[in-house]
Amino acid sequence: MTNTQESLSRIIEMAWEDRTPFEAIAIQYGLNEQGVIKLMRQHLKPSSFKLWRKRVSGRKTKHLKLRSPDVNRGYCPTQYKQR
Protein backbone atom coordinates (compact mmCIF):
# COMPACT_ATOMS: atom_id res chain seq x y z
CA MET A 1 0.00 0.00 0.00
CA THR A 2 1.42 3.39 -0.91
CA ASN A 3 1.61 6.31 1.49
CA THR A 4 -1.24 8.01 -0.38
CA GLN A 5 -3.46 4.94 0.02
CA GLU A 6 -2.52 4.72 3.70
CA SER A 7 -3.31 8.42 4.18
CA LEU A 8 -6.65 8.07 2.40
CA SER A 9 -7.54 5.07 4.53
CA ARG A 10 -6.56 6.89 7.73
CA ILE A 11 -8.53 10.04 6.81
CA ILE A 12 -11.64 7.95 6.16
CA GLU A 13 -11.12 6.10 9.44
CA MET A 14 -10.71 9.38 11.35
CA ALA A 15 -13.81 10.84 9.67
CA TRP A 16 -15.89 7.86 10.85
CA GLU A 17 -14.60 8.08 14.42
CA ASP A 18 -17.03 9.96 16.66
CA ARG A 19 -14.41 11.56 18.88
CA THR A 20 -11.95 12.63 16.19
CA PRO A 21 -12.67 16.28 15.35
CA PHE A 22 -12.38 17.66 11.85
CA GLU A 23 -9.66 19.97 13.19
CA ALA A 24 -7.44 16.95 13.91
CA ILE A 25 -7.78 15.85 10.29
CA ALA A 26 -6.96 19.40 9.17
CA ILE A 27 -3.81 19.48 11.33
CA GLN A 28 -2.55 16.07 10.18
CA TYR A 29 -3.63 16.08 6.54
CA GLY A 30 -4.46 19.69 5.62
CA LEU A 31 -8.12 18.95 4.83
CA ASN A 32 -10.80 21.16 6.34
CA GLU A 33 -14.32 19.89 6.97
CA GLN A 34 -15.47 20.64 3.42
CA GLY A 35 -12.40 18.83 2.06
CA VAL A 36 -13.19 15.78 4.19
CA ILE A 37 -16.80 15.81 2.98
CA LYS A 38 -15.64 15.98 -0.64
CA LEU A 39 -13.15 13.14 -0.09
CA MET A 40 -15.77 10.98 1.59
CA ARG A 41 -18.24 11.64 -1.24
CA GLN A 42 -15.63 10.55 -3.79
CA HIS A 43 -14.42 7.42 -2.01
CA LEU A 44 -17.51 5.96 -0.34
CA LYS A 45 -20.49 4.29 -1.93
CA PRO A 46 -23.43 6.73 -2.10
CA SER A 47 -25.32 4.86 0.63
CA SER A 48 -22.25 4.84 2.90
CA PHE A 49 -21.70 8.54 2.33
CA LYS A 50 -25.33 9.31 3.25
CA LEU A 51 -25.02 7.20 6.38
CA TRP A 52 -21.78 8.96 7.36
CA ARG A 53 -23.26 12.43 6.77
CA LYS A 54 -26.29 11.57 8.84
CA ARG A 55 -24.01 10.29 11.59
CA VAL A 56 -21.66 13.30 11.78
CA SER A 57 -24.16 16.09 11.11
CA GLY A 58 -24.69 17.96 14.33
CA ARG A 59 -22.32 15.73 16.30
CA LYS A 60 -20.65 17.99 18.82
CA THR A 61 -17.56 15.82 19.20
CA LYS A 62 -16.61 16.39 15.54
CA HIS A 63 -15.87 20.09 16.23
CA LEU A 64 -13.46 21.24 18.90
CA LYS A 65 -15.43 24.44 19.58
CA LEU A 66 -18.64 22.50 20.23
CA ARG A 67 -17.33 19.59 22.24
CA SER A 68 -17.41 19.40 25.99
CA PRO A 69 -14.12 19.98 27.80
CA ASP A 70 -14.74 16.56 29.39
CA VAL A 71 -13.94 14.94 26.02
CA ASN A 72 -10.16 15.03 26.14
CA ARG A 73 -9.15 12.04 24.08
CA GLY A 74 -9.71 10.97 20.50
CA TYR A 75 -11.13 7.52 21.12
CA CYS A 76 -13.12 5.46 23.56
CA PRO A 77 -10.97 3.50 26.07
CA THR A 78 -12.39 0.21 24.76
CA GLN A 79 -11.91 1.07 21.07
CA TYR A 80 -8.34 -0.23 20.77
CA LYS A 81 -8.19 -3.43 22.80
CA GLN A 82 -4.88 -5.00 23.75
CA ARG A 83 -4.29 -8.41 22.23
C-alpha atoms as a PDB file:
ATOM      1  CA  MET A   1       0.000   0.000   0.000  1.00  0.00           C
ATOM      2  CA  THR A   2       1.418   3.390  -0.908  1.00  0.00           C
ATOM      3  CA  ASN A   3       1.614   6.312   1.495  1.00  0.00           C
ATOM      4  CA  THR A   4      -1.241   8.005  -0.380  1.00  0.00           C
ATOM      5  CA  GLN A   5      -3.463   4.944   0.022  1.00  0.00           C
ATOM      6  CA  GLU A   6      -2.520   4.723   3.704  1.00  0.00           C
ATOM      7  CA  SER A   7      -3.310   8.418   4.181  1.00  0.00           C
ATOM      8  CA  LEU A   8      -6.648   8.071   2.396  1.00  0.00           C
ATOM      9  CA  SER A   9      -7.544   5.072   4.535  1.00  0.00           C
ATOM     10  CA  ARG A  10      -6.559   6.894   7.730  1.00  0.00           C
ATOM     11  CA  ILE A  11      -8.528  10.038   6.810  1.00  0.00           C
ATOM     12  CA  ILE A  12     -11.645   7.947   6.160  1.00  0.00           C
ATOM     13  CA  GLU A  13     -11.124   6.099   9.436  1.00  0.00           C
ATOM     14  CA  MET A  14     -10.709   9.383  11.346  1.00  0.00           C
ATOM     15  CA  ALA A  15     -13.808  10.838   9.674  1.00  0.00           C
ATOM     16  CA  TRP A  16     -15.892   7.858  10.850  1.00  0.00           C
ATOM     17  CA  GLU A  17     -14.601   8.082  14.421  1.00  0.00           C
ATOM     18  CA  ASP A  18     -17.029   9.958  16.664  1.00  0.00           C
ATOM     19  CA  ARG A  19     -14.405  11.560  18.876  1.00  0.00           C
ATOM     20  CA  THR A  20     -11.949  12.629  16.190  1.00  0.00           C
ATOM     21  CA  PRO A  21     -12.669  16.280  15.347  1.00  0.00           C
ATOM     22  CA  PHE A  22     -12.379  17.664  11.849  1.00  0.00           C
ATOM     23  CA  GLU A  23      -9.665  19.974  13.188  1.00  0.00           C
ATOM     24  CA  ALA A  24      -7.440  16.953  13.911  1.00  0.00           C
ATOM     25  CA  ILE A  25      -7.775  15.849  10.290  1.00  0.00           C
ATOM     26  CA  ALA A  26      -6.957  19.401   9.166  1.00  0.00           C
ATOM     27  CA  ILE A  27      -3.813  19.481  11.327  1.00  0.00           C
ATOM     28  CA  GLN A  28      -2.555  16.073  10.184  1.00  0.00           C
ATOM     29  CA  TYR A  29      -3.632  16.085   6.539  1.00  0.00           C
ATOM     30  CA  GLY A  30      -4.456  19.687   5.617  1.00  0.00           C
ATOM     31  CA  LEU A  31      -8.121  18.947   4.829  1.00  0.00           C
ATOM     32  CA  ASN A  32     -10.799  21.161   6.337  1.00  0.00           C
ATOM     33  CA  GLU A  33     -14.325  19.894   6.969  1.00  0.00           C
ATOM     34  CA  GLN A  34     -15.471  20.637   3.419  1.00  0.00           C
ATOM     35  CA  GLY A  35     -12.401  18.827   2.055  1.00  0.00           C
ATOM     36  CA  VAL A  36     -13.194  15.783   4.186  1.00  0.00           C
ATOM     37  CA  ILE A  37     -16.804  15.807   2.979  1.00  0.00           C
ATOM     38  CA  LYS A  38     -15.642  15.980  -0.638  1.00  0.00           C
ATOM     39  CA  LEU A  39     -13.146  13.140  -0.089  1.00  0.00           C
ATOM     40  CA  MET A  40     -15.775  10.979   1.592  1.00  0.00           C
ATOM     41  CA  ARG A  41     -18.242  11.640  -1.239  1.00  0.00           C
ATOM     42  CA  GLN A  42     -15.626  10.546  -3.795  1.00  0.00           C
ATOM     43  CA  HIS A  43     -14.418   7.418  -2.014  1.00  0.00           C
ATOM     44  CA  LEU A  44     -17.505   5.962  -0.343  1.00  0.00           C
ATOM     45  CA  LYS A  45     -20.486   4.295  -1.932  1.00  0.00           C
ATOM     46  CA  PRO A  46     -23.434   6.731  -2.097  1.00  0.00           C
ATOM     47  CA  SER A  47     -25.315   4.855   0.629  1.00  0.00           C
ATOM     48  CA  SER A  48     -22.251   4.836   2.901  1.00  0.00           C
ATOM     49  CA  PHE A  49     -21.701   8.543   2.326  1.00  0.00           C
ATOM     50  CA  LYS A  50     -25.332   9.311   3.247  1.00  0.00           C
ATOM     51  CA  LEU A  51     -25.019   7.195   6.376  1.00  0.00           C
ATOM     52  CA  TRP A  52     -21.780   8.960   7.359  1.00  0.00           C
ATOM     53  CA  ARG A  53     -23.257  12.434   6.766  1.00  0.00           C
ATOM     54  CA  LYS A  54     -26.294  11.571   8.838  1.00  0.00           C
ATOM     55  CA  ARG A  55     -24.010  10.288  11.591  1.00  0.00           C
ATOM     56  CA  VAL A  56     -21.661  13.299  11.784  1.00  0.00           C
ATOM     57  CA  SER A  57     -24.157  16.086  11.109  1.00  0.00           C
ATOM     58  CA  GLY A  58     -24.689  17.960  14.331  1.00  0.00           C
ATOM     59  CA  ARG A  59     -22.317  15.727  16.295  1.00  0.00           C
ATOM     60  CA  LYS A  60     -20.646  17.994  18.825  1.00  0.00           C
ATOM     61  CA  THR A  61     -17.555  15.823  19.199  1.00  0.00           C
ATOM     62  CA  LYS A  62     -16.607  16.392  15.538  1.00  0.00           C
ATOM     63  CA  HIS A  63     -15.874  20.088  16.225  1.00  0.00           C
ATOM     64  CA  LEU A  64     -13.462  21.244  18.901  1.00  0.00           C
ATOM     65  CA  LYS A  65     -15.430  24.440  19.578  1.00  0.00           C
ATOM     66  CA  LEU A  66     -18.644  22.498  20.227  1.00  0.00           C
ATOM     67  CA  ARG A  67     -17.328  19.591  22.241  1.00  0.00           C
ATOM     68  CA  SER A  68     -17.411  19.395  25.991  1.00  0.00           C
ATOM     69  CA  PRO A  69     -14.118  19.979  27.799  1.00  0.00           C
ATOM     70  CA  ASP A  70     -14.739  16.565  29.386  1.00  0.00           C
ATOM     71  CA  VAL A  71     -13.937  14.941  26.024  1.00  0.00           C
ATOM     72  CA  ASN A  72     -10.159  15.035  26.140  1.00  0.00           C
ATOM     73  CA  ARG A  73      -9.146  12.036  24.081  1.00  0.00           C
ATOM     74  CA  GLY A  74      -9.706  10.972  20.502  1.00  0.00           C
ATOM     75  CA  TYR A  75     -11.131   7.524  21.120  1.00  0.00           C
ATOM     76  CA  CYS A  76     -13.125   5.456  23.562  1.00  0.00           C
ATOM     77  CA  PRO A  77     -10.972   3.504  26.071  1.00  0.00           C
ATOM     78  CA  THR A  78     -12.394   0.212  24.763  1.00  0.00           C
ATOM     79  CA  GLN A  79     -11.908   1.072  21.074  1.00  0.00           C
ATOM     80  CA  TYR A  80      -8.340  -0.225  20.773  1.00  0.00           C
ATOM     81  CA  LYS A  81      -8.186  -3.426  22.797  1.00  0.00           C
ATOM     82  CA  GLN A  82      -4.877  -4.995  23.751  1.00  0.00           C
ATOM     83  CA  ARG A  83      -4.292  -8.412  22.228  1.00  0.00           C
END
